[in-house]
PDB file of all heavy atoms in Angstrom:
ATOM      1  N   GLU A   1       2.219  19.123  -2.638  1.00  0.00           N
ATOM      2  CA  GLU A   1       1.568  18.984  -3.867  1.00  0.00           C
ATOM      3  C   GLU A   1       0.848  17.558  -4.062  1.00  0.00           C
ATOM      4  O   GLU A   1       0.851  17.071  -5.070  1.00  0.00           O
ATOM      5  CB  GLU A   1       2.468  19.282  -4.952  1.00  0.00           C
ATOM      6  CG  GLU A   1       3.027  20.698  -4.964  1.00  0.00           C
ATOM      7  CD  GLU A   1       4.072  20.941  -6.097  1.00  0.00           C
ATOM      8  OE1 GLU A   1       4.015  20.260  -7.048  1.00  0.00           O
ATOM      9  OE2 GLU A   1       4.822  21.829  -5.814  1.00  0.00           O
ATOM     10  N   ALA A   2       0.569  16.951  -2.887  1.00  0.00           N
ATOM     11  CA  ALA A   2      -0.033  15.565  -2.872  1.00  0.00           C
ATOM     12  C   ALA A   2      -1.112  15.432  -3.786  1.00  0.00           C
ATOM     13  O   ALA A   2      -1.276  14.413  -4.524  1.00  0.00           O
ATOM     14  CB  ALA A   2      -0.381  15.127  -1.411  1.00  0.00           C
ATOM     15  N   ALA A   3      -2.061  16.340  -3.879  1.00  0.00           N
ATOM     16  CA  ALA A   3      -3.264  16.342  -4.647  1.00  0.00           C
ATOM     17  C   ALA A   3      -2.779  16.228  -6.075  1.00  0.00           C
ATOM     18  O   ALA A   3      -3.491  15.441  -6.908  1.00  0.00           O
ATOM     19  CB  ALA A   3      -4.190  17.422  -4.416  1.00  0.00           C
ATOM     20  N   GLY A   4      -1.850  17.013  -6.543  1.00  0.00           N
ATOM     21  CA  GLY A   4      -1.455  16.959  -7.908  1.00  0.00           C
ATOM     22  C   GLY A   4      -0.597  15.527  -8.314  1.00  0.00           C
ATOM     23  O   GLY A   4      -0.917  15.083  -9.395  1.00  0.00           O
ATOM     24  N   TYR A   5      -0.016  14.979  -7.291  1.00  0.00           N
ATOM     25  CA  TYR A   5       0.531  13.579  -7.604  1.00  0.00           C
ATOM     26  C   TYR A   5      -0.549  12.534  -7.783  1.00  0.00           C
ATOM     27  O   TYR A   5      -0.519  11.905  -8.839  1.00  0.00           O
ATOM     28  CB  TYR A   5       1.353  13.132  -6.439  1.00  0.00           C
ATOM     29  CG  TYR A   5       2.490  14.060  -5.914  1.00  0.00           C
ATOM     30  CD1 TYR A   5       2.964  13.980  -4.654  1.00  0.00           C
ATOM     31  CD2 TYR A   5       2.927  15.114  -6.831  1.00  0.00           C
ATOM     32  CE1 TYR A   5       3.923  14.804  -4.088  1.00  0.00           C
ATOM     33  CE2 TYR A   5       3.984  15.835  -6.289  1.00  0.00           C
ATOM     34  CZ  TYR A   5       4.446  15.820  -4.956  1.00  0.00           C
ATOM     35  OH  TYR A   5       5.376  16.548  -4.575  1.00  0.00           O
ATOM     36  N   VAL A   6      -1.506  12.575  -6.969  1.00  0.00           N
ATOM     37  CA  VAL A   6      -2.595  11.563  -7.123  1.00  0.00           C
ATOM     38  C   VAL A   6      -3.479  11.892  -8.366  1.00  0.00           C
ATOM     39  O   VAL A   6      -3.874  10.913  -9.009  1.00  0.00           O
ATOM     40  CB  VAL A   6      -3.484  11.614  -5.842  1.00  0.00           C
ATOM     41  CG1 VAL A   6      -4.695  10.759  -6.016  1.00  0.00           C
ATOM     42  CG2 VAL A   6      -2.657  11.252  -4.611  1.00  0.00           C
ATOM     43  N   ALA A   7      -3.688  13.136  -8.699  1.00  0.00           N
ATOM     44  CA  ALA A   7      -4.508  13.412  -9.893  1.00  0.00           C
ATOM     45  C   ALA A   7      -3.746  13.000 -11.186  1.00  0.00           C
ATOM     46  O   ALA A   7      -4.415  12.536 -12.081  1.00  0.00           O
ATOM     47  CB  ALA A   7      -4.766  14.968  -9.915  1.00  0.00           C
ATOM     48  N   LYS A   8      -2.501  13.051 -11.138  1.00  0.00           N
ATOM     49  CA  LYS A   8      -1.700  12.623 -12.288  1.00  0.00           C
ATOM     50  C   LYS A   8      -1.504  11.160 -12.419  1.00  0.00           C
ATOM     51  O   LYS A   8      -1.692  10.653 -13.555  1.00  0.00           O
ATOM     52  CB  LYS A   8      -0.307  13.334 -12.267  1.00  0.00           C
ATOM     53  CG  LYS A   8       0.489  13.096 -13.518  1.00  0.00           C
ATOM     54  CD  LYS A   8      -0.089  13.751 -14.768  1.00  0.00           C
ATOM     55  CE  LYS A   8       0.902  13.611 -15.935  1.00  0.00           C
ATOM     56  NZ  LYS A   8       0.291  14.248 -17.133  1.00  0.00           N
ATOM     57  N   LYS A   9      -1.158  10.509 -11.318  1.00  0.00           N
ATOM     58  CA  LYS A   9      -0.811   9.102 -11.409  1.00  0.00           C
ATOM     59  C   LYS A   9      -1.659   8.208 -10.477  1.00  0.00           C
ATOM     60  O   LYS A   9      -1.395   7.033 -10.394  1.00  0.00           O
ATOM     61  CB  LYS A   9       0.637   8.931 -11.011  1.00  0.00           C
ATOM     62  CG  LYS A   9       1.626   9.493 -12.144  1.00  0.00           C
ATOM     63  CD  LYS A   9       1.488   8.650 -13.368  1.00  0.00           C
ATOM     64  CE  LYS A   9       2.602   9.154 -14.363  1.00  0.00           C
ATOM     65  NZ  LYS A   9       2.546   8.441 -15.677  1.00  0.00           N
ATOM     66  N   GLY A  10      -2.630   8.690  -9.871  1.00  0.00           N
ATOM     67  CA  GLY A  10      -3.461   7.779  -9.057  1.00  0.00           C
ATOM     68  C   GLY A  10      -2.921   7.635  -7.632  1.00  0.00           C
ATOM     69  O   GLY A  10      -1.736   7.944  -7.503  1.00  0.00           O
ATOM     70  N   PRO A  11      -3.608   6.927  -6.762  1.00  0.00           N
ATOM     71  CA  PRO A  11      -3.095   6.737  -5.425  1.00  0.00           C
ATOM     72  C   PRO A  11      -1.981   5.769  -5.442  1.00  0.00           C
ATOM     73  O   PRO A  11      -1.849   4.885  -6.313  1.00  0.00           O
ATOM     74  CB  PRO A  11      -4.306   6.295  -4.597  1.00  0.00           C
ATOM     75  CG  PRO A  11      -5.137   5.576  -5.695  1.00  0.00           C
ATOM     76  CD  PRO A  11      -5.017   6.539  -6.955  1.00  0.00           C
ATOM     77  N   THR A  12      -1.029   5.774  -4.386  1.00  0.00           N
ATOM     78  CA  THR A  12       0.017   4.743  -4.458  1.00  0.00           C
ATOM     79  C   THR A  12      -0.652   3.394  -4.029  1.00  0.00           C
ATOM     80  O   THR A  12      -1.559   3.243  -3.315  1.00  0.00           O
ATOM     81  CB  THR A  12       1.025   5.127  -3.279  1.00  0.00           C
ATOM     82  OG1 THR A  12       0.274   5.599  -2.109  1.00  0.00           O
ATOM     83  CG2 THR A  12       1.934   6.278  -3.664  1.00  0.00           C
ATOM     84  N   PRO A  13      -0.073   2.389  -4.645  1.00  0.00           N
ATOM     85  CA  PRO A  13      -0.716   1.040  -4.571  1.00  0.00           C
ATOM     86  C   PRO A  13      -0.350   0.354  -3.193  1.00  0.00           C
ATOM     87  O   PRO A  13       0.761   0.438  -2.819  1.00  0.00           O
ATOM     88  CB  PRO A  13      -0.111   0.212  -5.748  1.00  0.00           C
ATOM     89  CG  PRO A  13       1.180   0.853  -6.008  1.00  0.00           C
ATOM     90  CD  PRO A  13       0.973   2.279  -5.721  1.00  0.00           C
ATOM     91  N   ILE A  14      -1.336  -0.349  -2.657  1.00  0.00           N
ATOM     92  CA  ILE A  14      -1.156  -1.093  -1.461  1.00  0.00           C
ATOM     93  C   ILE A  14      -0.422  -2.294  -1.735  1.00  0.00           C
ATOM     94  O   ILE A  14      -0.536  -2.870  -2.762  1.00  0.00           O
ATOM     95  CB  ILE A  14      -2.459  -1.385  -0.630  1.00  0.00           C
ATOM     96  CG1 ILE A  14      -2.299  -1.516   0.750  1.00  0.00           C
ATOM     97  CG2 ILE A  14      -3.193  -2.557  -1.322  1.00  0.00           C
ATOM     98  CD1 ILE A  14      -2.096  -0.302   1.574  1.00  0.00           C
ATOM     99  N   HIS A  15       0.426  -2.837  -0.732  1.00  0.00           N
ATOM    100  CA  HIS A  15       1.061  -4.055  -0.946  1.00  0.00           C
ATOM    101  C   HIS A  15       0.452  -5.321  -0.361  1.00  0.00           C
ATOM    102  O   HIS A  15       0.520  -6.379  -1.035  1.00  0.00           O
ATOM    103  CB  HIS A  15       2.551  -3.921  -0.261  1.00  0.00           C
ATOM    104  CG  HIS A  15       3.360  -2.952  -0.937  1.00  0.00           C
ATOM    105  ND1 HIS A  15       3.519  -1.637  -0.259  1.00  0.00           N
ATOM    106  CD2 HIS A  15       4.119  -2.840  -1.988  1.00  0.00           C
ATOM    107  CE1 HIS A  15       4.314  -0.899  -0.948  1.00  0.00           C
ATOM    108  NE2 HIS A  15       4.756  -1.587  -2.030  1.00  0.00           N
ATOM    109  N   GLN A  16      -0.184  -5.129   0.774  1.00  0.00           N
ATOM    110  CA  GLN A  16      -0.979  -6.202   1.405  1.00  0.00           C
ATOM    111  C   GLN A  16      -2.191  -5.757   1.964  1.00  0.00           C
ATOM    112  O   GLN A  16      -2.338  -4.525   2.221  1.00  0.00           O
ATOM    113  CB  GLN A  16      -0.084  -6.903   2.458  1.00  0.00           C
ATOM    114  CG  GLN A  16       1.280  -7.418   2.049  1.00  0.00           C
ATOM    115  CD  GLN A  16       1.264  -8.783   1.533  1.00  0.00           C
ATOM    116  OE1 GLN A  16       0.277  -9.452   1.327  1.00  0.00           O
ATOM    117  NE2 GLN A  16       2.502  -9.352   1.405  1.00  0.00           N
ATOM    118  N   SER A  17      -3.183  -6.580   2.248  1.00  0.00           N
ATOM    119  CA  SER A  17      -4.425  -6.189   2.853  1.00  0.00           C
ATOM    120  C   SER A  17      -5.021  -7.275   3.711  1.00  0.00           C
ATOM    121  O   SER A  17      -4.944  -8.494   3.373  1.00  0.00           O
ATOM    122  CB  SER A  17      -5.447  -5.922   1.731  1.00  0.00           C
ATOM    123  OG  SER A  17      -6.702  -5.353   2.243  1.00  0.00           O
ATOM    124  N   ILE A  18      -5.343  -6.807   4.919  1.00  0.00           N
ATOM    125  CA  ILE A  18      -6.107  -7.722   5.918  1.00  0.00           C
ATOM    126  C   ILE A  18      -7.448  -7.118   5.959  1.00  0.00           C
ATOM    127  O   ILE A  18      -7.701  -5.985   6.539  1.00  0.00           O
ATOM    128  CB  ILE A  18      -5.398  -7.741   7.248  1.00  0.00           C
ATOM    129  CG1 ILE A  18      -4.025  -8.367   7.095  1.00  0.00           C
ATOM    130  CG2 ILE A  18      -6.186  -8.594   8.235  1.00  0.00           C
ATOM    131  CD1 ILE A  18      -3.134  -8.342   8.408  1.00  0.00           C
ATOM    132  N   ALA A  19      -8.435  -7.883   5.426  1.00  0.00           N
ATOM    133  CA  ALA A  19      -9.861  -7.303   5.338  1.00  0.00           C
ATOM    134  C   ALA A  19     -10.614  -7.344   6.738  1.00  0.00           C
ATOM    135  O   ALA A  19     -11.424  -6.468   6.990  1.00  0.00           O
ATOM    136  CB  ALA A  19     -10.575  -8.096   4.270  1.00  0.00           C
ATOM    137  N   THR A  20     -10.407  -8.452   7.469  1.00  0.00           N
ATOM    138  CA  THR A  20     -11.112  -8.559   8.711  1.00  0.00           C
ATOM    139  C   THR A  20     -10.318  -8.889   9.838  1.00  0.00           C
ATOM    140  O   THR A  20      -9.115  -9.535   9.691  1.00  0.00           O
ATOM    141  CB  THR A  20     -12.282  -9.785   8.533  1.00  0.00           C
ATOM    142  OG1 THR A  20     -11.505 -10.913   8.152  1.00  0.00           O
ATOM    143  CG2 THR A  20     -13.181  -9.374   7.499  1.00  0.00           C
ATOM    144  N   VAL A  21     -10.772  -8.587  11.037  1.00  0.00           N
ATOM    145  CA  VAL A  21      -9.986  -8.918  12.239  1.00  0.00           C
ATOM    146  C   VAL A  21      -9.700 -10.451  12.375  1.00  0.00           C
ATOM    147  O   VAL A  21     -10.555 -11.141  12.133  1.00  0.00           O
ATOM    148  CB  VAL A  21     -10.660  -8.407  13.442  1.00  0.00           C
ATOM    149  CG1 VAL A  21     -10.023  -8.799  14.723  1.00  0.00           C
ATOM    150  CG2 VAL A  21     -10.756  -6.863  13.482  1.00  0.00           C
ATOM    151  N   GLY A  22      -8.613 -10.870  12.701  1.00  0.00           N
ATOM    152  CA  GLY A  22      -8.200 -12.194  12.764  1.00  0.00           C
ATOM    153  C   GLY A  22      -7.295 -12.612  11.604  1.00  0.00           C
ATOM    154  O   GLY A  22      -6.716 -13.765  11.605  1.00  0.00           O
ATOM    155  N   GLY A  23      -7.260 -11.807  10.548  1.00  0.00           N
ATOM    156  CA  GLY A  23      -6.489 -12.159   9.384  1.00  0.00           C
ATOM    157  C   GLY A  23      -4.993 -11.950   9.476  1.00  0.00           C
ATOM    158  O   GLY A  23      -4.679 -11.257  10.520  1.00  0.00           O
ATOM    159  N   SER A  24      -4.267 -12.496   8.606  1.00  0.00           N
ATOM    160  CA  SER A  24      -2.867 -12.252   8.557  1.00  0.00           C
ATOM    161  C   SER A  24      -2.349 -12.313   7.235  1.00  0.00           C
ATOM    162  O   SER A  24      -2.953 -12.782   6.276  1.00  0.00           O
ATOM    163  CB  SER A  24      -2.227 -13.414   9.439  1.00  0.00           C
ATOM    164  OG  SER A  24      -2.395 -14.660   8.805  1.00  0.00           O
ATOM    165  N   VAL A  25      -1.147 -11.708   6.977  1.00  0.00           N
ATOM    166  CA  VAL A  25      -0.440 -11.726   5.714  1.00  0.00           C
ATOM    167  C   VAL A  25       1.054 -12.009   5.870  1.00  0.00           C
ATOM    168  O   VAL A  25       1.557 -11.742   6.999  1.00  0.00           O
ATOM    169  CB  VAL A  25      -0.591 -10.335   4.920  1.00  0.00           C
ATOM    170  CG1 VAL A  25      -2.127 -10.234   4.592  1.00  0.00           C
ATOM    171  CG2 VAL A  25      -0.111  -9.203   5.759  1.00  0.00           C
ATOM    172  N   PHE A  26       1.717 -12.425   4.820  1.00  0.00           N
ATOM    173  CA  PHE A  26       3.108 -12.632   4.773  1.00  0.00           C
ATOM    174  C   PHE A  26       3.657 -11.761   3.734  1.00  0.00           C
ATOM    175  O   PHE A  26       3.066 -11.567   2.694  1.00  0.00           O
ATOM    176  CB  PHE A  26       3.464 -14.103   4.529  1.00  0.00           C
ATOM    177  CG  PHE A  26       3.025 -14.991   5.683  1.00  0.00           C
ATOM    178  CD1 PHE A  26       1.689 -15.543   5.776  1.00  0.00           C
ATOM    179  CD2 PHE A  26       3.908 -15.317   6.732  1.00  0.00           C
ATOM    180  CE1 PHE A  26       1.324 -16.425   6.737  1.00  0.00           C
ATOM    181  CE2 PHE A  26       3.514 -16.206   7.768  1.00  0.00           C
ATOM    182  CZ  PHE A  26       2.323 -16.782   7.764  1.00  0.00           C
ATOM    183  N   GLY A  27       4.888 -11.289   3.904  1.00  0.00           N
ATOM    184  CA  GLY A  27       5.571 -10.481   2.883  1.00  0.00           C
ATOM    185  C   GLY A  27       7.065 -10.503   3.127  1.00  0.00           C
ATOM    186  O   GLY A  27       7.513 -11.211   3.916  1.00  0.00           O
ATOM    187  N   SER A  28       7.855  -9.713   2.305  1.00  0.00           N
ATOM    188  CA  SER A  28       9.172  -9.554   2.497  1.00  0.00           C
ATOM    189  C   SER A  28       9.625  -8.178   2.055  1.00  0.00           C
ATOM    190  O   SER A  28       9.003  -7.609   1.173  1.00  0.00           O
ATOM    191  CB  SER A  28       9.948 -10.661   1.777  1.00  0.00           C
ATOM    192  OG  SER A  28       9.701 -10.454   0.312  1.00  0.00           O
ATOM    193  N   LEU A  29      10.748  -7.707   2.676  1.00  0.00           N
ATOM    194  CA  LEU A  29      11.306  -6.443   2.413  1.00  0.00           C
ATOM    195  C   LEU A  29      12.775  -6.551   2.386  1.00  0.00           C
ATOM    196  O   LEU A  29      13.433  -7.028   3.352  1.00  0.00           O
ATOM    197  CB  LEU A  29      10.857  -5.339   3.476  1.00  0.00           C
ATOM    198  CG  LEU A  29       9.526  -4.721   3.237  1.00  0.00           C
ATOM    199  CD1 LEU A  29       9.346  -3.752   4.424  1.00  0.00           C
ATOM    200  CD2 LEU A  29       9.508  -3.948   1.969  1.00  0.00           C
ATOM    201  N   PRO A  30      13.559  -5.959   1.325  1.00  0.00           N
ATOM    202  CA  PRO A  30      14.904  -5.988   1.361  1.00  0.00           C
ATOM    203  C   PRO A  30      15.405  -4.938   2.410  1.00  0.00           C
ATOM    204  O   PRO A  30      14.742  -3.866   2.738  1.00  0.00           O
ATOM    205  CB  PRO A  30      15.268  -5.591  -0.092  1.00  0.00           C
ATOM    206  CG  PRO A  30      14.125  -4.820  -0.547  1.00  0.00           C
ATOM    207  CD  PRO A  30      12.930  -5.485   0.049  1.00  0.00           C
ATOM    208  N   ASN A  31      16.674  -5.134   2.826  1.00  0.00           N
ATOM    209  CA  ASN A  31      17.228  -4.221   3.707  1.00  0.00           C
ATOM    210  C   ASN A  31      17.636  -2.915   2.874  1.00  0.00           C
ATOM    211  O   ASN A  31      17.512  -2.900   1.747  1.00  0.00           O
ATOM    212  CB  ASN A  31      18.333  -4.783   4.576  1.00  0.00           C
ATOM    213  CG  ASN A  31      19.430  -5.559   3.725  1.00  0.00           C
ATOM    214  OD1 ASN A  31      19.457  -5.449   2.512  1.00  0.00           O
ATOM    215  ND2 ASN A  31      20.316  -6.161   4.377  1.00  0.00           N
ATOM    216  N   HIS A  32      18.305  -2.040   3.657  1.00  0.00           N
ATOM    217  CA  HIS A  32      18.793  -0.739   3.014  1.00  0.00           C
ATOM    218  C   HIS A  32      17.654   0.162   2.630  1.00  0.00           C
ATOM    219  O   HIS A  32      17.704   0.828   1.610  1.00  0.00           O
ATOM    220  CB  HIS A  32      19.735  -0.948   1.877  1.00  0.00           C
ATOM    221  CG  HIS A  32      20.931  -1.961   2.239  1.00  0.00           C
ATOM    222  ND1 HIS A  32      21.210  -3.012   1.525  1.00  0.00           N
ATOM    223  CD2 HIS A  32      21.747  -1.833   3.277  1.00  0.00           C
ATOM    224  CE1 HIS A  32      22.267  -3.673   2.136  1.00  0.00           C
ATOM    225  NE2 HIS A  32      22.595  -2.976   3.213  1.00  0.00           N
TER     226      HIS A  32
END
């Protein structure tokens, strides 16, 4: 039912983005 999810609440939000080759990003994630 993915289409219904997106229609109701929109696409899931991205956390980071690298727009062009050569770019980099930093982030963090908890364990578990």
